[in-house]
Amino acid sequence: MLAGCGSATERKPAAASAFQLKPFARGFEPLVLLTHAPGEPKTLYVVEQPGRVVRVRAGKRTVFLNVRSDVAYGGEQGLLGLAFHPKYARNKLLYVGYTSRNGRNTVARYRSNGKVAVRSSGRTLLSVPDPYGNHNGGQLAFGHDGMLYTTIGDGGSGGDPEDRAQDMGSPFGKLLRLDVSKPGAEWAIAGLGLRNAWRFSFDRATGDLYLGDVGQGEIEEVDFTPRVSPGLENYGWDLYEGSRRFEDGEPSAGELVFPLYEYGHGANNCTVIGGHVYRGTTRPAERGRYIFGDYCSGIVWSLRVRSGAARNVRRESFRIQGLTSFGESSSGELYATTQDGVIYRLT
């Protein structure tokens, strides 16, 4: 499947349909993620990069998990990912991704007692030595297939000097998945050719995968894989940065997939922040739009996918300075988090 690469002409938002931005909460440590737990419709969970997960309910905040003593925090490192098991309401299992104090990209499983995650229940599911200290990925999400997905970047430095992203013998630069229902299951490669996937998500309605992959120095990209995919996707790095040739060579495996959408580093752009497809009820006209942004410029865009191509690309009317992530509530409403510890709601 060769996805259509686009940098389609943007259109200005219509006042009647464009998203609006409202402050929701502030005063957190640097935030990198917001999510929800199945069975808790009025609760949000936010991830603070230094090592805490904070539970937010009815305006009250409680520390749900504190792994500061395990986490190396600074630059691109820290507590980076959180996902609740689809059957969390029954089994109380959750998963976190972080860079450890002993220099390893780590995924760990915990069990909660319904109020807090029990530290003694922690089990390490993935532990990979981090060669350079940047490009740590860290996102965790469950797909419609019930598998847990993650990425740990291409290993870091710049230009993927050891060509890890195209090396099928290396976990770096890959989209990895694990069947958490099978004891002793091993991580498998679900995609390759990623530089530093910073936030990916599965459309809750369709199961399609949207992934923001941070570029080297010129191009930021959004990748798209439909739920029903013909095979292993190769997203191109480090042979391509976006749709442009970066290095000579041929794909090592899989089918080469070019970006759904890409943009350059003009207008102070520097780092794509992948988002979510809106499936809430506050803005019915916006359902089905994928929303994403840029960390440096704060620009936010949205688009629709039709026949595997980006359509109706729109630059939203607001900016979010220090944007680090987007997140969904249990009802599909969208939020954004910032490095300054602020949560915004998109309405």
C-alpha atoms as a PDB file:
ATOM      1  CA  MET A   1       0.000   0.000   0.000  1.00  0.00           C
ATOM      2  CA  LEU A   2       1.560   3.269  -1.113  1.00  0.00           C
ATOM      3  CA  ALA A   3      -0.106   6.029   0.828  1.00  0.00           C
ATOM      4  CA  GLY A   4      -0.552   9.294  -0.994  1.00  0.00           C
ATOM      5  CA  CYS A   5       1.998  11.816   0.155  1.00  0.00           C
ATOM      6  CA  GLY A   6       0.449  15.227   0.575  1.00  0.00           C
ATOM      7  CA  SER A   7       1.172  18.758   1.614  1.00  0.00           C
ATOM      8  CA  ALA A   8      -2.199  19.840   0.364  1.00  0.00           C
ATOM      9  CA  THR A   9      -3.268  23.458   0.225  1.00  0.00           C
ATOM     10  CA  GLU A  10      -4.612  24.478   3.601  1.00  0.00           C
ATOM     11  CA  ARG A  11      -7.909  26.222   3.958  1.00  0.00           C
ATOM     12  CA  LYS A  12      -8.875  28.686   6.640  1.00  0.00           C
ATOM     13  CA  PRO A  13     -11.273  27.497   9.340  1.00  0.00           C
ATOM     14  CA  ALA A  14     -14.940  28.371   9.109  1.00  0.00           C
ATOM     15  CA  ALA A  15     -16.144  30.011  12.311  1.00  0.00           C
ATOM     16  CA  ALA A  16     -19.094  27.648  12.599  1.00  0.00           C
ATOM     17  CA  SER A  17     -17.035  24.476  12.417  1.00  0.00           C
ATOM     18  CA  ALA A  18     -13.469  25.172  13.575  1.00  0.00           C
ATOM     19  CA  PHE A  19     -12.206  23.898  16.907  1.00  0.00           C
ATOM     20  CA  GLN A  20     -11.791  26.384  19.735  1.00  0.00           C
ATOM     21  CA  LEU A  21      -9.217  26.205  22.527  1.00  0.00           C
ATOM     22  CA  LYS A  22     -10.031  26.598  26.223  1.00  0.00           C
ATOM     23  CA  PRO A  23      -7.715  26.251  29.255  1.00  0.00           C
ATOM     24  CA  PHE A  24      -8.732  23.256  31.357  1.00  0.00           C
ATOM     25  CA  ALA A  25      -6.109  22.923  34.111  1.00  0.00           C
ATOM     26  CA  ARG A  26      -2.606  24.130  34.885  1.00  0.00           C
ATOM     27  CA  GLY A  27       0.128  23.806  37.486  1.00  0.00           C
ATOM     28  CA  PHE A  28       1.494  20.408  36.498  1.00  0.00           C
ATOM     29  CA  GLU A  29       5.112  19.490  35.894  1.00  0.00           C
ATOM     30  CA  PRO A  30       6.066  19.170  32.186  1.00  0.00           C
ATOM     31  CA  LEU A  31       3.300  17.129  30.558  1.00  0.00           C
ATOM     32  CA  VAL A  32       3.752  14.635  27.736  1.00  0.00           C
ATOM     33  CA  LEU A  33       0.454  12.738  27.603  1.00  0.00           C
ATOM     34  CA  LEU A  34      -3.238  12.721  28.506  1.00  0.00           C
ATOM     35  CA  THR A  35      -5.483   9.678  28.358  1.00  0.00           C
ATOM     36  CA  HIS A  36      -8.392   7.897  30.035  1.00  0.00           C
ATOM     37  CA  ALA A  37      -9.077   4.503  31.588  1.00  0.00           C
ATOM     38  CA  PRO A  38     -11.907   2.200  30.463  1.00  0.00           C
ATOM     39  CA  GLY A  39     -14.731   2.226  32.988  1.00  0.00           C
ATOM     40  CA  GLU A  40     -13.913   5.692  34.350  1.00  0.00           C
ATOM     41  CA  PRO A  41     -15.921   8.122  32.179  1.00  0.00           C
ATOM     42  CA  LYS A  42     -15.289  11.226  34.294  1.00  0.00           C
ATOM     43  CA  THR A  43     -11.583  10.775  34.909  1.00  0.00           C
ATOM     44  CA  LEU A  44      -8.462  11.866  33.027  1.00  0.00           C
ATOM     45  CA  TYR A  45      -4.885  10.702  33.534  1.00  0.00           C
ATOM     46  CA  VAL A  46      -1.921  12.914  32.683  1.00  0.00           C
ATOM     47  CA  VAL A  47       1.740  11.955  32.464  1.00  0.00           C
ATOM     48  CA  GLU A  48       4.374  14.279  33.894  1.00  0.00           C
ATOM     49  CA  GLN A  49       7.723  13.715  32.214  1.00  0.00           C
ATOM     50  CA  PRO A  50       9.761  13.655  35.463  1.00  0.00           C
ATOM     51  CA  GLY A  51       7.961  10.471  36.490  1.00  0.00           C
ATOM     52  CA  ARG A  52       4.400  10.826  37.778  1.00  0.00           C
ATOM     53  CA  VAL A  53       0.952   9.891  36.522  1.00  0.00           C
ATOM     54  CA  VAL A  54      -1.700  12.229  37.955  1.00  0.00           C
ATOM     55  CA  ARG A  55      -5.389  11.338  38.137  1.00  0.00           C
ATOM     56  CA  VAL A  56      -7.772  14.254  37.494  1.00  0.00           C
ATOM     57  CA  ARG A  57     -11.422  13.899  38.512  1.00  0.00           C
ATOM     58  CA  ALA A  58     -13.995  16.563  39.384  1.00  0.00           C
ATOM     59  CA  GLY A  59     -11.262  19.163  39.681  1.00  0.00           C
ATOM     60  CA  LYS A  60      -9.276  17.095  42.170  1.00  0.00           C
ATOM     61  CA  ARG A  61      -5.799  15.700  41.524  1.00  0.00           C
ATOM     62  CA  THR A  62      -4.201  12.646  43.058  1.00  0.00           C
ATOM     63  CA  VAL A  63      -0.900  10.957  42.270  1.00  0.00           C
ATOM     64  CA  PHE A  64      -1.817   7.646  40.654  1.00  0.00           C
ATOM     65  CA  LEU A  65       1.736   6.413  40.013  1.00  0.00           C
ATOM     66  CA  ASN A  66       5.140   7.801  40.983  1.00  0.00           C
ATOM     67  CA  VAL A  67       8.178   6.200  39.322  1.00  0.00           C
ATOM     68  CA  ARG A  68      10.592   9.115  39.696  1.00  0.00           C
ATOM     69  CA  SER A  69      13.145   6.836  41.320  1.00  0.00           C
ATOM     70  CA  ASP A  70      13.195   4.650  38.195  1.00  0.00           C
ATOM     71  CA  VAL A  71      13.148   7.394  35.549  1.00  0.00           C
ATOM     72  CA  ALA A  72      15.978   9.338  33.923  1.00  0.00           C
ATOM     73  CA  TYR A  73      14.498  12.772  33.267  1.00  0.00           C
ATOM     74  CA  GLY A  74      15.933  15.473  31.018  1.00  0.00           C
ATOM     75  CA  GLY A  75      15.838  16.494  27.361  1.00  0.00           C
ATOM     76  CA  GLU A  76      13.847  13.841  25.510  1.00  0.00           C
ATOM     77  CA  GLN A  77      14.063  11.333  28.354  1.00  0.00           C
ATOM     78  CA  GLY A  78      11.573  10.672  31.110  1.00  0.00           C
ATOM     79  CA  LEU A  79       8.226   9.007  31.701  1.00  0.00           C
ATOM     80  CA  LEU A  80       6.845   9.094  28.158  1.00  0.00           C
ATOM     81  CA  GLY A  81       3.917   6.720  27.717  1.00  0.00           C
ATOM     82  CA  LEU A  82       0.817   5.314  29.422  1.00  0.00           C
ATOM     83  CA  ALA A  83      -1.868   2.941  28.202  1.00  0.00           C
ATOM     84  CA  PHE A  84      -4.661   1.198  30.073  1.00  0.00           C
ATOM     85  CA  HIS A  85      -5.637  -2.339  29.148  1.00  0.00           C
ATOM     86  CA  PRO A  86      -8.910  -2.430  27.159  1.00  0.00           C
ATOM     87  CA  LYS A  87     -10.328  -4.559  30.005  1.00  0.00           C
ATOM     88  CA  TYR A  88      -8.931  -2.313  32.719  1.00  0.00           C
ATOM     89  CA  ALA A  89     -12.323  -1.992  34.417  1.00  0.00           C
ATOM     90  CA  ARG A  90     -12.015  -5.700  35.239  1.00  0.00           C
ATOM     91  CA  ASN A  91      -8.286  -6.545  35.343  1.00  0.00           C
ATOM     92  CA  LYS A  92      -6.858  -3.162  36.483  1.00  0.00           C
ATOM     93  CA  LEU A  93      -3.761  -3.506  34.271  1.00  0.00           C
ATOM     94  CA  LEU A  94      -1.848  -0.515  32.898  1.00  0.00           C
ATOM     95  CA  TYR A  95       1.420  -0.035  31.009  1.00  0.00           C
ATOM     96  CA  VAL A  96       4.019   2.734  31.099  1.00  0.00           C
ATOM     97  CA  GLY A  97       7.006   3.596  28.911  1.00  0.00           C
ATOM     98  CA  TYR A  98      10.062   5.429  30.207  1.00  0.00           C
ATOM     99  CA  THR A  99      13.819   5.874  29.962  1.00  0.00           C
ATOM    100  CA  SER A 100      15.413   4.301  33.004  1.00  0.00           C
ATOM    101  CA  ARG A 101      18.172   5.574  35.239  1.00  0.00           C
ATOM    102  CA  ASN A 102      20.427   2.791  33.968  1.00  0.00           C
ATOM    103  CA  GLY A 103      20.019   4.001  30.377  1.00  0.00           C
ATOM    104  CA  ARG A 104      17.353   1.673  28.980  1.00  0.00           C
ATOM    105  CA  ASN A 105      14.147   2.213  27.026  1.00  0.00           C
ATOM    106  CA  THR A 106      11.609   0.450  29.198  1.00  0.00           C
ATOM    107  CA  VAL A 107       7.996  -0.729  29.105  1.00  0.00           C
ATOM    108  CA  ALA A 108       6.542  -1.907  32.411  1.00  0.00           C
ATOM    109  CA  ARG A 109       3.185  -3.297  33.466  1.00  0.00           C
ATOM    110  CA  TYR A 110       1.429  -2.393  36.712  1.00  0.00           C
ATOM    111  CA  ARG A 111      -1.826  -3.324  38.375  1.00  0.00           C
ATOM    112  CA  SER A 112      -3.928  -0.758  40.216  1.00  0.00           C
ATOM    113  CA  ASN A 113      -6.215  -1.174  43.196  1.00  0.00           C
ATOM    114  CA  GLY A 114      -8.721   1.177  41.588  1.00  0.00           C
ATOM    115  CA  LYS A 115      -7.256   4.259  43.255  1.00  0.00           C
ATOM    116  CA  VAL A 116      -3.500   4.031  42.686  1.00  0.00           C
ATOM    117  CA  ALA A 117      -1.099   1.829  40.766  1.00  0.00           C
ATOM    118  CA  VAL A 118       0.551  -0.658  43.108  1.00  0.00           C
ATOM    119  CA  ARG A 119       4.324  -0.179  42.819  1.00  0.00           C
ATOM    120  CA  SER A 120       5.106  -3.722  43.946  1.00  0.00           C
ATOM    121  CA  SER A 121       3.044  -5.104  41.035  1.00  0.00           C
ATOM    122  CA  GLY A 122       5.490  -3.720  38.438  1.00  0.00           C
ATOM    123  CA  ARG A 123       6.819  -6.103  35.804  1.00  0.00           C
ATOM    124  CA  THR A 124       9.270  -5.163  33.036  1.00  0.00           C
ATOM    125  CA  LEU A 125       8.079  -6.159  29.555  1.00  0.00           C
ATOM    126  CA  LEU A 126      10.722  -4.417  27.452  1.00  0.00           C
ATOM    127  CA  SER A 127      14.196  -3.169  28.334  1.00  0.00           C
ATOM    128  CA  VAL A 128      16.512  -2.022  25.545  1.00  0.00           C
ATOM    129  CA  PRO A 129      19.837  -0.186  26.073  1.00  0.00           C
ATOM    130  CA  ASP A 130      19.612   3.413  24.847  1.00  0.00           C
ATOM    131  CA  PRO A 131      22.702   4.161  22.724  1.00  0.00           C
ATOM    132  CA  TYR A 132      22.486   7.959  22.517  1.00  0.00           C
ATOM    133  CA  GLY A 133      19.874   9.326  24.923  1.00  0.00           C
ATOM    134  CA  ASN A 134      17.552  10.955  22.404  1.00  0.00           C
ATOM    135  CA  HIS A 135      14.801   9.657  20.092  1.00  0.00           C
ATOM    136  CA  ASN A 136      13.135   7.613  22.807  1.00  0.00           C
ATOM    137  CA  GLY A 137       9.620   7.442  21.383  1.00  0.00           C
ATOM    138  CA  GLY A 138       7.818   5.944  24.346  1.00  0.00           C
ATOM    139  CA  GLN A 139       4.209   6.054  23.166  1.00  0.00           C
ATOM    140  CA  LEU A 140       1.962   3.142  24.162  1.00  0.00           C
ATOM    141  CA  ALA A 141      -1.456   2.340  22.706  1.00  0.00           C
ATOM    142  CA  PHE A 142      -3.714  -0.638  22.216  1.00  0.00           C
ATOM    143  CA  GLY A 143      -4.882  -1.427  18.698  1.00  0.00           C
ATOM    144  CA  HIS A 144      -8.249  -2.881  17.710  1.00  0.00           C
ATOM    145  CA  ASP A 145      -6.476  -6.250  17.555  1.00  0.00           C
ATOM    146  CA  GLY A 146      -5.960  -6.137  21.319  1.00  0.00           C
ATOM    147  CA  MET A 147      -2.193  -5.817  20.923  1.00  0.00           C
ATOM    148  CA  LEU A 148      -0.071  -3.301  22.821  1.00  0.00           C
ATOM    149  CA  TYR A 149       1.987  -1.079  20.474  1.00  0.00           C
ATOM    150  CA  THR A 150       5.056   1.040  21.213  1.00  0.00           C
ATOM    151  CA  THR A 151       8.104   2.671  19.598  1.00  0.00           C
ATOM    152  CA  ILE A 152      11.560   3.492  20.986  1.00  0.00           C
ATOM    153  CA  GLY A 153      12.917   5.689  18.188  1.00  0.00           C
ATOM    154  CA  ASP A 154      15.875   4.950  15.910  1.00  0.00           C
ATOM    155  CA  GLY A 155      18.398   4.965  18.766  1.00  0.00           C
ATOM    156  CA  GLY A 156      19.233   8.653  18.578  1.00  0.00           C
ATOM    157  CA  SER A 157      22.156  10.834  17.535  1.00  0.00           C
ATOM    158  CA  GLY A 158      21.390  12.275  14.073  1.00  0.00           C
ATOM    159  CA  GLY A 159      20.898  10.670  10.675  1.00  0.00           C
ATOM    160  CA  ASP A 160      20.583   7.174  12.157  1.00  0.00           C
ATOM    161  CA  PRO A 161      24.371   6.572  11.940  1.00  0.00           C
ATOM    162  CA  GLU A 162      24.125   2.796  12.424  1.00  0.00           C
ATOM    163  CA  ASP A 163      21.119   2.421  10.074  1.00  0.00           C
ATOM    164  CA  ARG A 164      19.044   0.841  12.814  1.00  0.00           C
ATOM    165  CA  ALA A 165      15.657   1.931  11.422  1.00  0.00           C
ATOM    166  CA  GLN A 166      16.079  -0.308   8.360  1.00  0.00           C
ATOM    167  CA  ASP A 167      17.683  -3.183  10.277  1.00  0.00           C
ATOM    168  CA  MET A 168      15.114  -5.902  10.949  1.00  0.00           C
ATOM    169  CA  GLY A 169      17.453  -7.347  13.567  1.00  0.00           C
ATOM    170  CA  SER A 170      17.167  -4.194  15.685  1.00  0.00           C
ATOM    171  CA  PRO A 171      14.144  -2.976  17.717  1.00  0.00           C
ATOM    172  CA  PHE A 172      15.077   0.659  17.029  1.00  0.00           C
ATOM    173  CA  GLY A 173      13.128   2.642  14.458  1.00  0.00           C
ATOM    174  CA  LYS A 174      10.306   0.102  14.617  1.00  0.00           C
ATOM    175  CA  LEU A 175       6.658   0.002  15.538  1.00  0.00           C
ATOM    176  CA  LEU A 176       6.559  -2.896  18.004  1.00  0.00           C
ATOM    177  CA  ARG A 177       3.585  -4.882  19.257  1.00  0.00           C
ATOM    178  CA  LEU A 178       2.984  -7.391  22.025  1.00  0.00           C
ATOM    179  CA  ASP A 179       0.140  -9.813  22.656  1.00  0.00           C
ATOM    180  CA  VAL A 180      -0.311  -9.088  26.354  1.00  0.00           C
ATOM    181  CA  SER A 181      -2.910 -11.863  26.647  1.00  0.00           C
ATOM    182  CA  LYS A 182      -0.251 -14.540  26.124  1.00  0.00           C
ATOM    183  CA  PRO A 183       2.214 -15.142  28.962  1.00  0.00           C
ATOM    184  CA  GLY A 184       5.748 -15.194  27.634  1.00  0.00           C
ATOM    185  CA  ALA A 185       4.846 -13.585  24.316  1.00  0.00           C
ATOM    186  CA  GLU A 186       7.631 -11.656  22.606  1.00  0.00           C
ATOM    187  CA  TRP A 187       7.571  -8.258  20.941  1.00  0.00           C
ATOM    188  CA  ALA A 188       7.105  -8.373  17.169  1.00  0.00           C
ATOM    189  CA  ILE A 189       7.856  -5.790  14.483  1.00  0.00           C
ATOM    190  CA  ALA A 190       4.668  -4.245  13.100  1.00  0.00           C
ATOM    191  CA  GLY A 191       6.392  -1.518  11.060  1.00  0.00           C
ATOM    192  CA  LEU A 192       9.863  -0.113  10.364  1.00  0.00           C
ATOM    193  CA  GLY A 193      11.609   2.975   9.021  1.00  0.00           C
ATOM    194  CA  LEU A 194      10.684   5.374  11.828  1.00  0.00           C
ATOM    195  CA  ARG A 195      12.985   8.112  13.129  1.00  0.00           C
ATOM    196  CA  ASN A 196      11.278   9.237  16.335  1.00  0.00           C
ATOM    197  CA  ALA A 197       7.553   8.605  16.314  1.00  0.00           C
ATOM    198  CA  TRP A 198       6.218  11.200  18.739  1.00  0.00           C
ATOM    199  CA  ARG A 199       2.643  10.239  19.389  1.00  0.00           C
ATOM    200  CA  PHE A 200       0.628   7.724  17.438  1.00  0.00           C
ATOM    201  CA  SER A 201      -2.997   6.743  17.872  1.00  0.00           C
ATOM    202  CA  PHE A 202      -5.634   4.370  16.597  1.00  0.00           C
ATOM    203  CA  ASP A 203      -8.928   5.840  15.416  1.00  0.00           C
ATOM    204  CA  ARG A 204     -11.448   4.485  17.920  1.00  0.00           C
ATOM    205  CA  ALA A 205     -14.084   4.164  15.195  1.00  0.00           C
ATOM    206  CA  THR A 206     -12.074   2.556  12.379  1.00  0.00           C
ATOM    207  CA  GLY A 207      -8.912   1.160  13.965  1.00  0.00           C
ATOM    208  CA  ASP A 208      -6.750   3.059  11.469  1.00  0.00           C
ATOM    209  CA  LEU A 209      -3.295   4.087  12.665  1.00  0.00           C
ATOM    210  CA  TYR A 210      -2.078   7.704  12.553  1.00  0.00           C
ATOM    211  CA  LEU A 211       1.539   8.394  13.450  1.00  0.00           C
ATOM    212  CA  GLY A 212       3.589  11.569  13.701  1.00  0.00           C
ATOM    213  CA  ASP A 213       7.268  10.946  12.881  1.00  0.00           C
ATOM    214  CA  VAL A 214       9.743  13.705  13.728  1.00  0.00           C
ATOM    215  CA  GLY A 215      12.036  14.701  10.865  1.00  0.00           C
ATOM    216  CA  GLN A 216      15.793  15.175  10.744  1.00  0.00           C
ATOM    217  CA  GLY A 217      16.103  18.802   9.732  1.00  0.00           C
ATOM    218  CA  GLU A 218      13.690  19.663   6.936  1.00  0.00           C
ATOM    219  CA  ILE A 219      10.455  17.650   6.905  1.00  0.00           C
ATOM    220  CA  GLU A 220       7.884  16.601   9.495  1.00  0.00           C
ATOM    221  CA  GLU A 221       5.479  13.823   8.563  1.00  0.00           C
ATOM    222  CA  VAL A 222       2.207  12.158   9.461  1.00  0.00           C
ATOM    223  CA  ASP A 223       1.950   8.496   8.470  1.00  0.00           C
ATOM    224  CA  PHE A 224      -1.240   6.521   7.999  1.00  0.00           C
ATOM    225  CA  THR A 225      -1.941   2.798   7.965  1.00  0.00           C
ATOM    226  CA  PRO A 226      -5.491   1.464   7.564  1.00  0.00           C
ATOM    227  CA  ARG A 227      -6.707  -1.158  10.004  1.00  0.00           C
ATOM    228  CA  VAL A 228      -6.847  -3.691   7.185  1.00  0.00           C
ATOM    229  CA  SER A 229      -3.287  -3.502   5.903  1.00  0.00           C
ATOM    230  CA  PRO A 230      -1.748  -5.777   3.251  1.00  0.00           C
ATOM    231  CA  GLY A 231       1.497  -6.304   5.138  1.00  0.00           C
ATOM    232  CA  LEU A 232       4.528  -4.853   6.882  1.00  0.00           C
ATOM    233  CA  GLU A 233       4.791  -1.074   6.389  1.00  0.00           C
ATOM    234  CA  ASN A 234       8.175   0.553   5.853  1.00  0.00           C
ATOM    235  CA  TYR A 235       7.830   4.271   6.633  1.00  0.00           C
ATOM    236  CA  GLY A 236      11.086   5.087   4.862  1.00  0.00           C
ATOM    237  CA  TRP A 237      13.608   6.446   7.360  1.00  0.00           C
ATOM    238  CA  ASP A 238      16.590   6.771   6.903  1.00  0.00           C
ATOM    239  CA  LEU A 239      16.285   6.288   3.153  1.00  0.00           C
ATOM    240  CA  TYR A 240      13.727   9.080   3.090  1.00  0.00           C
ATOM    241  CA  GLU A 241      12.940  12.092   5.229  1.00  0.00           C
ATOM    242  CA  GLY A 242       9.281  12.501   4.448  1.00  0.00           C
ATOM    243  CA  SER A 243       9.037  11.955   0.700  1.00  0.00           C
ATOM    244  CA  ARG A 244      12.564  13.233  -0.008  1.00  0.00           C
ATOM    245  CA  ARG A 245      15.617  11.050  -0.429  1.00  0.00           C
ATOM    246  CA  PHE A 246      17.890  11.242   2.600  1.00  0.00           C
ATOM    247  CA  GLU A 247      20.309   8.385   1.976  1.00  0.00           C
ATOM    248  CA  ASP A 248      21.068   5.982  -0.851  1.00  0.00           C
ATOM    249  CA  GLY A 249      19.900   2.409  -0.593  1.00  0.00           C
ATOM    250  CA  GLU A 250      16.871   0.171  -0.878  1.00  0.00           C
ATOM    251  CA  PRO A 251      14.209  -0.717   1.699  1.00  0.00           C
ATOM    252  CA  SER A 252      15.359  -3.661   3.798  1.00  0.00           C
ATOM    253  CA  ALA A 253      11.886  -5.131   4.284  1.00  0.00           C
ATOM    254  CA  GLY A 254       8.191  -4.414   3.990  1.00  0.00           C
ATOM    255  CA  GLU A 255       6.357  -2.145   1.609  1.00  0.00           C
ATOM    256  CA  LEU A 256       7.487   1.468   1.330  1.00  0.00           C
ATOM    257  CA  VAL A 257       4.812   3.879   2.535  1.00  0.00           C
ATOM    258  CA  PHE A 258       5.131   7.615   1.955  1.00  0.00           C
ATOM    259  CA  PRO A 259       3.593  10.149   4.356  1.00  0.00           C
ATOM    260  CA  LEU A 260      -0.077  10.945   4.458  1.00  0.00           C
ATOM    261  CA  TYR A 261       0.928  14.557   5.048  1.00  0.00           C
ATOM    262  CA  GLU A 262       4.209  16.425   5.415  1.00  0.00           C
ATOM    263  CA  TYR A 263       5.331  19.984   6.102  1.00  0.00           C
ATOM    264  CA  GLY A 264       8.610  21.858   6.191  1.00  0.00           C
ATOM    265  CA  HIS A 265      10.531  23.766   8.838  1.00  0.00           C
ATOM    266  CA  GLY A 266       9.463  27.220   7.751  1.00  0.00           C
ATOM    267  CA  ALA A 267       7.289  29.374  10.035  1.00  0.00           C
ATOM    268  CA  ASN A 268       9.340  28.155  13.039  1.00  0.00           C
ATOM    269  CA  ASN A 269       8.146  24.559  12.655  1.00  0.00           C
ATOM    270  CA  CYS A 270      10.467  21.889  14.067  1.00  0.00           C
ATOM    271  CA  THR A 271       8.738  18.814  15.537  1.00  0.00           C
ATOM    272  CA  VAL A 272       5.456  17.170  14.622  1.00  0.00           C
ATOM    273  CA  ILE A 273       3.129  16.242  17.482  1.00  0.00           C
ATOM    274  CA  GLY A 274       0.847  13.423  16.398  1.00  0.00           C
ATOM    275  CA  GLY A 275      -2.752  13.557  17.551  1.00  0.00           C
ATOM    276  CA  HIS A 276      -6.131  11.833  17.361  1.00  0.00           C
ATOM    277  CA  VAL A 277      -9.152  11.515  15.132  1.00  0.00           C
ATOM    278  CA  TYR A 278     -12.002  13.437  16.732  1.00  0.00           C
ATOM    279  CA  ARG A 279     -14.914  11.191  17.712  1.00  0.00           C
ATOM    280  CA  GLY A 280     -16.606  13.355  20.326  1.00  0.00           C
ATOM    281  CA  THR A 281     -20.047  14.975  20.366  1.00  0.00           C
ATOM    282  CA  THR A 282     -19.281  18.629  21.153  1.00  0.00           C
ATOM    283  CA  ARG A 283     -18.436  19.388  17.496  1.00  0.00           C
ATOM    284  CA  PRO A 284     -20.484  16.982  15.331  1.00  0.00           C
ATOM    285  CA  ALA A 285     -19.288  18.598  12.085  1.00  0.00           C
ATOM    286  CA  GLU A 286     -15.691  17.821  13.057  1.00  0.00           C
ATOM    287  CA  ARG A 287     -16.073  14.089  13.630  1.00  0.00           C
ATOM    288  CA  GLY A 288     -13.570  12.129  11.603  1.00  0.00           C
ATOM    289  CA  ARG A 289     -10.992  14.930  11.430  1.00  0.00           C
ATOM    290  CA  TYR A 290      -7.457  14.058  12.521  1.00  0.00           C
ATOM    291  CA  ILE A 291      -5.843  16.836  14.533  1.00  0.00           C
ATOM    292  CA  PHE A 292      -2.077  17.328  15.033  1.00  0.00           C
ATOM    293  CA  GLY A 293       0.400  20.139  15.578  1.00  0.00           C
ATOM    294  CA  ASP A 294       3.991  21.341  15.890  1.00  0.00           C
ATOM    295  CA  TYR A 295       5.977  21.743  19.100  1.00  0.00           C
ATOM    296  CA  CYS A 296       7.982  24.856  18.138  1.00  0.00           C
ATOM    297  CA  SER A 297       5.490  26.938  16.187  1.00  0.00           C
ATOM    298  CA  GLY A 298       2.420  25.820  18.123  1.00  0.00           C
ATOM    299  CA  ILE A 299       0.487  25.592  14.843  1.00  0.00           C
ATOM    300  CA  VAL A 300      -2.354  23.066  14.850  1.00  0.00           C
ATOM    301  CA  TRP A 301      -3.824  21.444  11.755  1.00  0.00           C
ATOM    302  CA  SER A 302      -6.662  19.033  11.054  1.00  0.00           C
ATOM    303  CA  LEU A 303      -7.500  16.907   8.046  1.00  0.00           C
ATOM    304  CA  ARG A 304      -9.676  14.087   6.796  1.00  0.00           C
ATOM    305  CA  VAL A 305      -8.550  10.887   5.122  1.00  0.00           C
ATOM    306  CA  ARG A 306     -10.354   9.685   2.030  1.00  0.00           C
ATOM    307  CA  SER A 307      -9.112   6.785  -0.072  1.00  0.00           C
ATOM    308  CA  GLY A 308      -5.809   6.848   1.803  1.00  0.00           C
ATOM    309  CA  ALA A 309      -5.098  10.526   1.033  1.00  0.00           C
ATOM    310  CA  ALA A 310      -5.220  13.717   3.113  1.00  0.00           C
ATOM    311  CA  ARG A 311      -8.198  15.909   2.227  1.00  0.00           C
ATOM    312  CA  ASN A 312      -9.634  19.185   3.542  1.00  0.00           C
ATOM    313  CA  VAL A 313      -6.419  20.123   5.356  1.00  0.00           C
ATOM    314  CA  ARG A 314      -7.109  23.056   7.648  1.00  0.00           C
ATOM    315  CA  ARG A 315      -4.914  25.189   9.837  1.00  0.00           C
ATOM    316  CA  GLU A 316      -6.778  25.868  13.057  1.00  0.00           C
ATOM    317  CA  SER A 317      -7.260  29.424  14.286  1.00  0.00           C
ATOM    318  CA  PHE A 318      -5.184  29.043  17.474  1.00  0.00           C
ATOM    319  CA  ARG A 319      -1.659  28.066  18.475  1.00  0.00           C
ATOM    320  CA  ILE A 320      -0.518  26.000  21.446  1.00  0.00           C
ATOM    321  CA  GLN A 321       2.932  27.044  22.605  1.00  0.00           C
ATOM    322  CA  GLY A 322       5.065  24.188  23.898  1.00  0.00           C
ATOM    323  CA  LEU A 323       2.585  21.605  22.601  1.00  0.00           C
ATOM    324  CA  THR A 324       3.673  18.101  23.644  1.00  0.00           C
ATOM    325  CA  SER A 325       0.675  15.850  23.058  1.00  0.00           C
ATOM    326  CA  PHE A 326      -3.017  15.467  22.321  1.00  0.00           C
ATOM    327  CA  GLY A 327      -5.304  13.150  24.254  1.00  0.00           C
ATOM    328  CA  GLU A 328      -8.841  11.793  24.347  1.00  0.00           C
ATOM    329  CA  SER A 329     -11.418  11.548  27.102  1.00  0.00           C
ATOM    330  CA  SER A 330     -13.549   8.419  27.349  1.00  0.00           C
ATOM    331  CA  SER A 331     -16.235  10.184  25.288  1.00  0.00           C
ATOM    332  CA  GLY A 332     -13.817  11.124  22.494  1.00  0.00           C
ATOM    333  CA  GLU A 333     -13.383  14.794  23.356  1.00  0.00           C
ATOM    334  CA  LEU A 334      -9.886  16.130  22.656  1.00  0.00           C
ATOM    335  CA  TYR A 335      -7.338  17.769  24.935  1.00  0.00           C
ATOM    336  CA  ALA A 336      -3.799  19.103  24.478  1.00  0.00           C
ATOM    337  CA  THR A 337      -0.873  19.193  26.904  1.00  0.00           C
ATOM    338  CA  THR A 338       2.138  21.478  27.078  1.00  0.00           C
ATOM    339  CA  GLN A 339       5.675  21.509  28.374  1.00  0.00           C
ATOM    340  CA  ASP A 340       4.648  24.245  30.811  1.00  0.00           C
ATOM    341  CA  GLY A 341       2.207  21.901  32.535  1.00  0.00           C
ATOM    342  CA  VAL A 342      -1.037  23.250  31.059  1.00  0.00           C
ATOM    343  CA  ILE A 343      -3.982  21.211  29.783  1.00  0.00           C
ATOM    344  CA  TYR A 344      -6.267  22.679  27.141  1.00  0.00           C
ATOM    345  CA  ARG A 345      -9.590  21.360  25.930  1.00  0.00           C
ATOM    346  CA  LEU A 346     -10.573  21.585  22.259  1.00  0.00           C
ATOM    347  CA  THR A 347     -14.227  22.534  21.975  1.00  0.00           C
END
